[in-house]
Amino acid sequence: MDQNKGNQTGVIKFLAAAAAVVVGIFIILPNISGTIAHAMEQIPMIGQLVKVVTFRDYEYDSDRNMADIEVPEIKPEQQLEDSTLQENLDRTTAEINAEIQSITDNLIAEFEANVKDEMGYQDVMVTSEVLATTPDYFTLKLICYQGAGSGYQWNYFYTIDLNTGKRLQLKDIFKEGADYITPISENIKLQMKERMEADANNIYWLDNEIEDLNFKAITDETSFYLNEKGNVVIGFNEGDVAPMYMGTVEFEIPAEVLEGIRK
């Protein structure tokens, strides 16, 4: 189990390093023992309307406990002439930032409580990555990991419609009244079958004896983002649609599958 934890910790550290290379211009303000780090500079990251800074960097390292939690913050890049767009963008970024800070605050509080109570070995890591940015939208991915013997990773996706300044929901990218749940869900099932046929190590829950485990359909709350090609990508956390060893999994939906129902 310790070897497994080490392997998973190595993976998440690699992801964090790769994200840093891809992101490139994040402000990193290290602090020991979890003191808050407010960004002293706000360096533009990407895109015309928003930038990302590291708001807080919580670090803790001992023989039994390790935490490395980088808290990103999205900020409007400039003041806009369109006051409505500016108000929406300010409101949206504030709401996203508050959600991210709540998530990371809870992780830190849980970590510190376990340290105090000497609950055993634990690793907690949080990093982030800009997945895509175009003139029309921006997406930030928050990557969370907890390990205690075995590890668990889960992700959050935050997409902003830069034309409206509002947080993008899945339904927002489709024509009103269109059934997008069915074609997306059926394509995911098809991709699952193709992946399992291509590699016996790939297992997805489609024909599991425990019927409740089987993937049936996405919902409006299912995690998603738009990649650089503008295609919908559906994301699942560990254990959602496959065994835990499969990790977090994603499915890019080909444009032709949603042709005629996208806005």
C-alpha atoms as a PDB file:
ATOM      1  CA  MET A   1       0.000   0.000   0.000  1.00  0.00           C
ATOM      2  CA  ASP A   2       2.925   2.358   0.798  1.00  0.00           C
ATOM      3  CA  GLN A   3       4.405   1.676  -2.626  1.00  0.00           C
ATOM      4  CA  ASN A   4       1.028   2.403  -4.205  1.00  0.00           C
ATOM      5  CA  LYS A   5       0.830   5.693  -2.301  1.00  0.00           C
ATOM      6  CA  GLY A   6       4.306   6.573  -3.466  1.00  0.00           C
ATOM      7  CA  ASN A   7       3.444   5.818  -7.076  1.00  0.00           C
ATOM      8  CA  GLN A   8       0.290   7.909  -6.968  1.00  0.00           C
ATOM      9  CA  THR A   9       2.088  10.737  -5.216  1.00  0.00           C
ATOM     10  CA  GLY A  10       4.720  10.643  -7.959  1.00  0.00           C
ATOM     11  CA  VAL A  11       2.012  10.858 -10.592  1.00  0.00           C
ATOM     12  CA  ILE A  12       0.315  13.869  -9.052  1.00  0.00           C
ATOM     13  CA  LYS A  13       3.684  15.585  -8.585  1.00  0.00           C
ATOM     14  CA  PHE A  14       4.421  14.980 -12.249  1.00  0.00           C
ATOM     15  CA  LEU A  15       1.036  16.422 -13.160  1.00  0.00           C
ATOM     16  CA  ALA A  16       1.734  19.460 -11.029  1.00  0.00           C
ATOM     17  CA  ALA A  17       5.106  19.964 -12.701  1.00  0.00           C
ATOM     18  CA  ALA A  18       3.614  19.532 -16.155  1.00  0.00           C
ATOM     19  CA  ALA A  19       0.859  21.978 -15.320  1.00  0.00           C
ATOM     20  CA  ALA A  20       3.466  24.493 -14.223  1.00  0.00           C
ATOM     21  CA  VAL A  21       5.265  24.131 -17.550  1.00  0.00           C
ATOM     22  CA  VAL A  22       2.062  24.477 -19.535  1.00  0.00           C
ATOM     23  CA  VAL A  23       0.742  27.344 -17.489  1.00  0.00           C
ATOM     24  CA  GLY A  24       4.148  28.953 -17.418  1.00  0.00           C
ATOM     25  CA  ILE A  25       3.323  32.368 -16.010  1.00  0.00           C
ATOM     26  CA  PHE A  26       1.698  31.478 -12.677  1.00  0.00           C
ATOM     27  CA  ILE A  27       2.919  33.519  -9.742  1.00  0.00           C
ATOM     28  CA  ILE A  28       4.317  31.136  -7.140  1.00  0.00           C
ATOM     29  CA  LEU A  29       4.576  32.488  -3.608  1.00  0.00           C
ATOM     30  CA  PRO A  30       5.784  29.635  -1.322  1.00  0.00           C
ATOM     31  CA  ASN A  31       5.035  29.756   2.373  1.00  0.00           C
ATOM     32  CA  ILE A  32       5.792  27.269   5.072  1.00  0.00           C
ATOM     33  CA  SER A  33       3.130  25.869   7.426  1.00  0.00           C
ATOM     34  CA  GLY A  34       0.189  27.291   5.554  1.00  0.00           C
ATOM     35  CA  THR A  35       0.442  31.050   5.931  1.00  0.00           C
ATOM     36  CA  ILE A  36      -1.629  32.968   3.374  1.00  0.00           C
ATOM     37  CA  ALA A  37       0.190  34.343   0.374  1.00  0.00           C
ATOM     38  CA  HIS A  38      -1.512  37.202  -1.442  1.00  0.00           C
ATOM     39  CA  ALA A  39      -0.131  37.750  -4.924  1.00  0.00           C
ATOM     40  CA  MET A  40       2.085  40.820  -4.809  1.00  0.00           C
ATOM     41  CA  GLU A  41       2.023  41.054  -8.563  1.00  0.00           C
ATOM     42  CA  GLN A  42      -0.692  40.089 -10.960  1.00  0.00           C
ATOM     43  CA  ILE A  43       0.986  38.890 -14.111  1.00  0.00           C
ATOM     44  CA  PRO A  44      -1.310  38.375 -17.125  1.00  0.00           C
ATOM     45  CA  MET A  45      -1.684  34.698 -17.871  1.00  0.00           C
ATOM     46  CA  ILE A  46      -3.523  34.180 -21.086  1.00  0.00           C
ATOM     47  CA  GLY A  47      -6.473  35.558 -22.961  1.00  0.00           C
ATOM     48  CA  GLN A  48      -7.723  39.091 -23.188  1.00  0.00           C
ATOM     49  CA  LEU A  49     -10.120  39.204 -20.268  1.00  0.00           C
ATOM     50  CA  VAL A  50      -8.793  37.073 -17.405  1.00  0.00           C
ATOM     51  CA  LYS A  51      -5.546  36.106 -15.717  1.00  0.00           C
ATOM     52  CA  VAL A  52      -4.620  33.592 -13.027  1.00  0.00           C
ATOM     53  CA  VAL A  53      -2.432  34.106  -9.974  1.00  0.00           C
ATOM     54  CA  THR A  54      -1.523  31.921  -7.014  1.00  0.00           C
ATOM     55  CA  PHE A  55      -3.544  33.331  -4.132  1.00  0.00           C
ATOM     56  CA  ARG A  56      -2.237  30.967  -1.465  1.00  0.00           C
ATOM     57  CA  ASP A  57       0.433  28.292  -1.232  1.00  0.00           C
ATOM     58  CA  TYR A  58       0.054  25.993   1.774  1.00  0.00           C
ATOM     59  CA  GLU A  59       2.984  23.658   2.449  1.00  0.00           C
ATOM     60  CA  TYR A  60       3.621  21.143   5.209  1.00  0.00           C
ATOM     61  CA  ASP A  61       6.139  18.321   5.299  1.00  0.00           C
ATOM     62  CA  SER A  62       6.983  15.874   8.057  1.00  0.00           C
ATOM     63  CA  ASP A  63       7.796  12.185   8.368  1.00  0.00           C
ATOM     64  CA  ARG A  64       4.113  11.259   8.371  1.00  0.00           C
ATOM     65  CA  ASN A  65       2.294  14.133   6.697  1.00  0.00           C
ATOM     66  CA  MET A  66       2.784  16.103   3.502  1.00  0.00           C
ATOM     67  CA  ALA A  67       0.661  18.856   1.987  1.00  0.00           C
ATOM     68  CA  ASP A  68       1.256  21.053  -1.050  1.00  0.00           C
ATOM     69  CA  ILE A  69      -1.857  23.091  -1.819  1.00  0.00           C
ATOM     70  CA  GLU A  70      -1.659  25.870  -4.385  1.00  0.00           C
ATOM     71  CA  VAL A  71      -4.820  27.968  -4.480  1.00  0.00           C
ATOM     72  CA  PRO A  72      -5.350  29.725  -7.815  1.00  0.00           C
ATOM     73  CA  GLU A  73      -7.359  32.883  -8.243  1.00  0.00           C
ATOM     74  CA  ILE A  74      -8.923  34.143 -11.464  1.00  0.00           C
ATOM     75  CA  LYS A  75      -8.840  37.891 -11.982  1.00  0.00           C
ATOM     76  CA  PRO A  76     -10.236  40.127 -14.747  1.00  0.00           C
ATOM     77  CA  GLU A  77      -7.371  41.316 -16.923  1.00  0.00           C
ATOM     78  CA  GLN A  78      -8.617  44.804 -17.689  1.00  0.00           C
ATOM     79  CA  GLN A  79     -11.487  47.219 -17.246  1.00  0.00           C
ATOM     80  CA  LEU A  80     -13.996  46.821 -20.057  1.00  0.00           C
ATOM     81  CA  GLU A  81     -16.078  49.455 -21.787  1.00  0.00           C
ATOM     82  CA  ASP A  82     -19.041  47.071 -21.664  1.00  0.00           C
ATOM     83  CA  SER A  83     -20.216  47.596 -18.071  1.00  0.00           C
ATOM     84  CA  THR A  84     -22.595  44.617 -18.146  1.00  0.00           C
ATOM     85  CA  LEU A  85     -19.853  42.270 -19.306  1.00  0.00           C
ATOM     86  CA  GLN A  86     -17.520  43.697 -16.655  1.00  0.00           C
ATOM     87  CA  GLU A  87     -20.098  43.216 -13.891  1.00  0.00           C
ATOM     88  CA  ASN A  88     -20.787  39.645 -14.996  1.00  0.00           C
ATOM     89  CA  LEU A  89     -17.090  38.842 -15.241  1.00  0.00           C
ATOM     90  CA  ASP A  90     -16.377  40.337 -11.813  1.00  0.00           C
ATOM     91  CA  ARG A  91     -19.273  38.410 -10.273  1.00  0.00           C
ATOM     92  CA  THR A  92     -18.347  35.131 -11.966  1.00  0.00           C
ATOM     93  CA  THR A  93     -14.668  35.242 -11.040  1.00  0.00           C
ATOM     94  CA  ALA A  94     -15.568  36.158  -7.445  1.00  0.00           C
ATOM     95  CA  GLU A  95     -17.953  33.192  -7.210  1.00  0.00           C
ATOM     96  CA  ILE A  96     -15.426  30.766  -8.698  1.00  0.00           C
ATOM     97  CA  ASN A  97     -12.653  32.049  -6.455  1.00  0.00           C
ATOM     98  CA  ALA A  98     -14.871  31.702  -3.392  1.00  0.00           C
ATOM     99  CA  GLU A  99     -15.717  28.119  -4.368  1.00  0.00           C
ATOM    100  CA  ILE A 100     -12.050  27.223  -4.896  1.00  0.00           C
ATOM    101  CA  GLN A 101     -11.061  28.818  -1.589  1.00  0.00           C
ATOM    102  CA  SER A 102     -13.817  26.929   0.213  1.00  0.00           C
ATOM    103  CA  ILE A 103     -12.651  23.625  -1.275  1.00  0.00           C
ATOM    104  CA  THR A 104      -9.025  24.208  -0.364  1.00  0.00           C
ATOM    105  CA  ASP A 105      -9.835  25.651   3.080  1.00  0.00           C
ATOM    106  CA  ASN A 106     -11.762  22.477   3.889  1.00  0.00           C
ATOM    107  CA  LEU A 107      -8.899  20.280   2.692  1.00  0.00           C
ATOM    108  CA  ILE A 108      -6.424  22.227   4.814  1.00  0.00           C
ATOM    109  CA  ALA A 109      -8.680  22.094   7.879  1.00  0.00           C
ATOM    110  CA  GLU A 110      -9.121  18.334   7.487  1.00  0.00           C
ATOM    111  CA  PHE A 111      -5.384  17.850   6.993  1.00  0.00           C
ATOM    112  CA  GLU A 112      -4.493  19.878  10.089  1.00  0.00           C
ATOM    113  CA  ALA A 113      -7.078  18.049  12.181  1.00  0.00           C
ATOM    114  CA  ASN A 114      -5.574  14.706  11.124  1.00  0.00           C
ATOM    115  CA  VAL A 115      -2.079  15.959  11.943  1.00  0.00           C
ATOM    116  CA  LYS A 116      -3.236  17.083  15.395  1.00  0.00           C
ATOM    117  CA  ASP A 117      -5.001  13.787  16.058  1.00  0.00           C
ATOM    118  CA  GLU A 118      -2.056  11.777  14.679  1.00  0.00           C
ATOM    119  CA  MET A 119      -4.320   9.893  12.296  1.00  0.00           C
ATOM    120  CA  GLY A 120      -1.436   8.314  10.363  1.00  0.00           C
ATOM    121  CA  TYR A 121       0.268   8.962   7.050  1.00  0.00           C
ATOM    122  CA  GLN A 122      -1.412  11.363   4.652  1.00  0.00           C
ATOM    123  CA  ASP A 123      -0.659  13.310   1.502  1.00  0.00           C
ATOM    124  CA  VAL A 124      -2.768  16.208   0.247  1.00  0.00           C
ATOM    125  CA  MET A 125      -2.022  18.065  -2.966  1.00  0.00           C
ATOM    126  CA  VAL A 126      -3.843  20.661  -5.031  1.00  0.00           C
ATOM    127  CA  THR A 127      -2.669  22.216  -8.266  1.00  0.00           C
ATOM    128  CA  SER A 128      -4.378  23.759 -11.267  1.00  0.00           C
ATOM    129  CA  GLU A 129      -4.076  23.964 -15.011  1.00  0.00           C
ATOM    130  CA  VAL A 130      -5.515  26.170 -17.732  1.00  0.00           C
ATOM    131  CA  LEU A 131      -7.035  23.636 -20.111  1.00  0.00           C
ATOM    132  CA  ALA A 132      -8.076  25.919 -22.928  1.00  0.00           C
ATOM    133  CA  THR A 133      -8.571  29.543 -23.781  1.00  0.00           C
ATOM    134  CA  THR A 134     -10.065  31.078 -26.894  1.00  0.00           C
ATOM    135  CA  PRO A 135     -11.618  34.464 -27.660  1.00  0.00           C
ATOM    136  CA  ASP A 136     -14.927  32.927 -26.526  1.00  0.00           C
ATOM    137  CA  TYR A 137     -14.164  30.994 -23.333  1.00  0.00           C
ATOM    138  CA  PHE A 138     -11.643  30.161 -20.632  1.00  0.00           C
ATOM    139  CA  THR A 139     -11.358  26.966 -18.559  1.00  0.00           C
ATOM    140  CA  LEU A 140      -9.434  26.329 -15.357  1.00  0.00           C
ATOM    141  CA  LYS A 141      -9.016  22.825 -13.955  1.00  0.00           C
ATOM    142  CA  LEU A 142      -8.509  22.337 -10.219  1.00  0.00           C
ATOM    143  CA  ILE A 143      -6.729  19.033  -9.469  1.00  0.00           C
ATOM    144  CA  CYS A 144      -7.122  17.601  -5.968  1.00  0.00           C
ATOM    145  CA  TYR A 145      -5.434  14.559  -4.446  1.00  0.00           C
ATOM    146  CA  GLN A 146      -5.631  12.876  -1.045  1.00  0.00           C
ATOM    147  CA  GLY A 147      -3.583   9.867  -0.049  1.00  0.00           C
ATOM    148  CA  ALA A 148      -3.670   7.769   3.114  1.00  0.00           C
ATOM    149  CA  GLY A 149      -2.438   4.288   2.271  1.00  0.00           C
ATOM    150  CA  SER A 150      -4.191   4.540  -1.073  1.00  0.00           C
ATOM    151  CA  GLY A 151      -4.888   7.728  -2.982  1.00  0.00           C
ATOM    152  CA  TYR A 152      -7.829   9.454  -4.592  1.00  0.00           C
ATOM    153  CA  GLN A 153      -7.816  12.210  -7.213  1.00  0.00           C
ATOM    154  CA  TRP A 154     -10.743  14.367  -8.279  1.00  0.00           C
ATOM    155  CA  ASN A 155     -11.090  17.431 -10.470  1.00  0.00           C
ATOM    156  CA  TYR A 156     -13.175  20.571 -10.787  1.00  0.00           C
ATOM    157  CA  PHE A 157     -13.659  22.446 -14.061  1.00  0.00           C
ATOM    158  CA  TYR A 158     -14.454  26.151 -14.262  1.00  0.00           C
ATOM    159  CA  THR A 159     -15.399  27.527 -17.671  1.00  0.00           C
ATOM    160  CA  ILE A 160     -16.207  31.187 -18.296  1.00  0.00           C
ATOM    161  CA  ASP A 161     -18.064  32.401 -21.374  1.00  0.00           C
ATOM    162  CA  LEU A 162     -16.009  35.461 -22.296  1.00  0.00           C
ATOM    163  CA  ASN A 163     -18.814  36.840 -24.456  1.00  0.00           C
ATOM    164  CA  THR A 164     -21.190  37.128 -21.501  1.00  0.00           C
ATOM    165  CA  GLY A 165     -18.838  36.998 -18.519  1.00  0.00           C
ATOM    166  CA  LYS A 166     -20.917  34.172 -17.038  1.00  0.00           C
ATOM    167  CA  ARG A 167     -19.910  30.696 -15.929  1.00  0.00           C
ATOM    168  CA  LEU A 168     -20.690  28.278 -18.724  1.00  0.00           C
ATOM    169  CA  GLN A 169     -23.037  25.385 -18.033  1.00  0.00           C
ATOM    170  CA  LEU A 170     -23.360  22.358 -20.294  1.00  0.00           C
ATOM    171  CA  LYS A 171     -26.846  23.329 -21.430  1.00  0.00           C
ATOM    172  CA  ASP A 172     -25.619  26.777 -22.466  1.00  0.00           C
ATOM    173  CA  ILE A 173     -23.726  25.478 -25.495  1.00  0.00           C
ATOM    174  CA  PHE A 174     -26.751  23.766 -27.045  1.00  0.00           C
ATOM    175  CA  LYS A 175     -29.854  25.031 -28.763  1.00  0.00           C
ATOM    176  CA  GLU A 176     -32.863  25.440 -26.503  1.00  0.00           C
ATOM    177  CA  GLY A 177     -34.844  22.229 -26.170  1.00  0.00           C
ATOM    178  CA  ALA A 178     -32.154  20.083 -27.803  1.00  0.00           C
ATOM    179  CA  ASP A 179     -31.491  16.605 -26.404  1.00  0.00           C
ATOM    180  CA  TYR A 180     -27.752  16.595 -25.839  1.00  0.00           C
ATOM    181  CA  ILE A 181     -27.794  14.133 -22.935  1.00  0.00           C
ATOM    182  CA  THR A 182     -28.547  11.134 -25.141  1.00  0.00           C
ATOM    183  CA  PRO A 183     -25.946  11.581 -27.918  1.00  0.00           C
ATOM    184  CA  ILE A 184     -23.200  12.451 -25.442  1.00  0.00           C
ATOM    185  CA  SER A 185     -24.024   9.485 -23.197  1.00  0.00           C
ATOM    186  CA  GLU A 186     -24.236   7.025 -26.094  1.00  0.00           C
ATOM    187  CA  ASN A 187     -20.929   8.240 -27.516  1.00  0.00           C
ATOM    188  CA  ILE A 188     -19.262   7.816 -24.132  1.00  0.00           C
ATOM    189  CA  LYS A 189     -20.543   4.224 -23.973  1.00  0.00           C
ATOM    190  CA  LEU A 190     -19.181   3.607 -27.465  1.00  0.00           C
ATOM    191  CA  GLN A 191     -15.784   5.009 -26.503  1.00  0.00           C
ATOM    192  CA  MET A 192     -15.749   2.881 -23.359  1.00  0.00           C
ATOM    193  CA  LYS A 193     -16.340  -0.277 -25.402  1.00  0.00           C
ATOM    194  CA  GLU A 194     -13.673   0.694 -27.936  1.00  0.00           C
ATOM    195  CA  ARG A 195     -11.118   1.355 -25.203  1.00  0.00           C
ATOM    196  CA  MET A 196     -11.855  -1.962 -23.497  1.00  0.00           C
ATOM    197  CA  GLU A 197     -11.546  -3.835 -26.790  1.00  0.00           C
ATOM    198  CA  ALA A 198      -8.231  -2.111 -27.513  1.00  0.00           C
ATOM    199  CA  ASP A 199      -6.715  -2.794 -24.076  1.00  0.00           C
ATOM    200  CA  ALA A 200      -7.787  -5.478 -21.607  1.00  0.00           C
ATOM    201  CA  ASN A 201      -6.491  -3.308 -18.759  1.00  0.00           C
ATOM    202  CA  ASN A 202      -9.193  -0.745 -19.504  1.00  0.00           C
ATOM    203  CA  ILE A 203     -12.360  -1.469 -17.568  1.00  0.00           C
ATOM    204  CA  TYR A 204     -15.489   0.665 -17.495  1.00  0.00           C
ATOM    205  CA  TRP A 205     -18.738  -0.093 -15.765  1.00  0.00           C
ATOM    206  CA  LEU A 206     -21.173  -0.928 -18.535  1.00  0.00           C
ATOM    207  CA  ASP A 207     -22.148  -4.535 -17.870  1.00  0.00           C
ATOM    208  CA  ASN A 208     -21.296  -4.826 -14.205  1.00  0.00           C
ATOM    209  CA  GLU A 209     -23.221  -7.378 -12.156  1.00  0.00           C
ATOM    210  CA  ILE A 210     -24.006  -4.577  -9.713  1.00  0.00           C
ATOM    211  CA  GLU A 211     -26.459  -2.679 -11.874  1.00  0.00           C
ATOM    212  CA  ASP A 212     -26.243   0.526  -9.866  1.00  0.00           C
ATOM    213  CA  LEU A 213     -22.555   0.850 -10.803  1.00  0.00           C
ATOM    214  CA  ASN A 214     -23.183   0.822 -14.542  1.00  0.00           C
ATOM    215  CA  PHE A 215     -22.854   4.095 -16.417  1.00  0.00           C
ATOM    216  CA  LYS A 216     -26.179   5.034 -17.939  1.00  0.00           C
ATOM    217  CA  ALA A 217     -26.117   8.716 -18.789  1.00  0.00           C
ATOM    218  CA  ILE A 218     -24.577  12.040 -17.918  1.00  0.00           C
ATOM    219  CA  THR A 219     -26.555  14.791 -16.234  1.00  0.00           C
ATOM    220  CA  ASP A 220     -26.493  18.574 -16.461  1.00  0.00           C
ATOM    221  CA  GLU A 221     -24.181  18.518 -13.439  1.00  0.00           C
ATOM    222  CA  THR A 222     -21.604  16.193 -15.001  1.00  0.00           C
ATOM    223  CA  SER A 223     -18.185  17.835 -15.245  1.00  0.00           C
ATOM    224  CA  PHE A 224     -17.186  19.110 -18.667  1.00  0.00           C
ATOM    225  CA  TYR A 225     -15.031  21.608 -20.520  1.00  0.00           C
ATOM    226  CA  LEU A 226     -14.441  22.762 -24.085  1.00  0.00           C
ATOM    227  CA  ASN A 227     -11.015  22.003 -25.509  1.00  0.00           C
ATOM    228  CA  GLU A 228      -9.028  24.128 -27.958  1.00  0.00           C
ATOM    229  CA  LYS A 229     -10.938  22.550 -30.866  1.00  0.00           C
ATOM    230  CA  GLY A 230     -14.209  23.602 -29.283  1.00  0.00           C
ATOM    231  CA  ASN A 231     -15.230  19.994 -28.643  1.00  0.00           C
ATOM    232  CA  VAL A 232     -17.066  18.986 -25.481  1.00  0.00           C
ATOM    233  CA  VAL A 233     -14.931  16.932 -23.087  1.00  0.00           C
ATOM    234  CA  ILE A 234     -16.704  15.044 -20.299  1.00  0.00           C
ATOM    235  CA  GLY A 235     -14.683  14.337 -17.149  1.00  0.00           C
ATOM    236  CA  PHE A 236     -15.261  11.715 -14.440  1.00  0.00           C
ATOM    237  CA  ASN A 237     -13.508  11.383 -11.088  1.00  0.00           C
ATOM    238  CA  GLU A 238     -11.908   8.197  -9.807  1.00  0.00           C
ATOM    239  CA  GLY A 239     -14.486   5.506  -9.215  1.00  0.00           C
ATOM    240  CA  ASP A 240     -17.340   7.278 -11.029  1.00  0.00           C
ATOM    241  CA  VAL A 241     -17.487   5.086 -14.139  1.00  0.00           C
ATOM    242  CA  ALA A 242     -14.546   2.728 -13.683  1.00  0.00           C
ATOM    243  CA  PRO A 243     -12.441   1.028 -10.994  1.00  0.00           C
ATOM    244  CA  MET A 244     -10.287   3.367  -8.908  1.00  0.00           C
ATOM    245  CA  TYR A 245      -7.048   2.238 -10.565  1.00  0.00           C
ATOM    246  CA  MET A 246      -8.263   3.780 -13.826  1.00  0.00           C
ATOM    247  CA  GLY A 247      -7.904   7.197 -12.252  1.00  0.00           C
ATOM    248  CA  THR A 248      -9.807  10.213 -13.534  1.00  0.00           C
ATOM    249  CA  VAL A 249     -11.042   9.660 -17.078  1.00  0.00           C
ATOM    250  CA  GLU A 250     -12.169  11.966 -19.871  1.00  0.00           C
ATOM    251  CA  PHE A 251     -14.088  11.537 -23.106  1.00  0.00           C
ATOM    252  CA  GLU A 252     -13.850  14.010 -25.971  1.00  0.00           C
ATOM    253  CA  ILE A 253     -17.111  14.059 -27.900  1.00  0.00           C
ATOM    254  CA  PRO A 254     -16.514  14.384 -31.675  1.00  0.00           C
ATOM    255  CA  ALA A 255     -18.069  17.484 -33.242  1.00  0.00           C
ATOM    256  CA  GLU A 256     -20.165  15.409 -35.653  1.00  0.00           C
ATOM    257  CA  VAL A 257     -21.945  13.685 -32.749  1.00  0.00           C
ATOM    258  CA  LEU A 258     -23.421  17.023 -31.685  1.00  0.00           C
ATOM    259  CA  GLU A 259     -23.835  18.514 -35.133  1.00  0.00           C
ATOM    260  CA  GLY A 260     -27.104  20.395 -35.492  1.00  0.00           C
ATOM    261  CA  ILE A 261     -27.746  20.899 -31.768  1.00  0.00           C
ATOM    262  CA  ARG A 262     -24.771  23.106 -30.831  1.00  0.00           C
ATOM    263  CA  LYS A 263     -25.329  26.841 -30.790  1.00  0.00           C
END
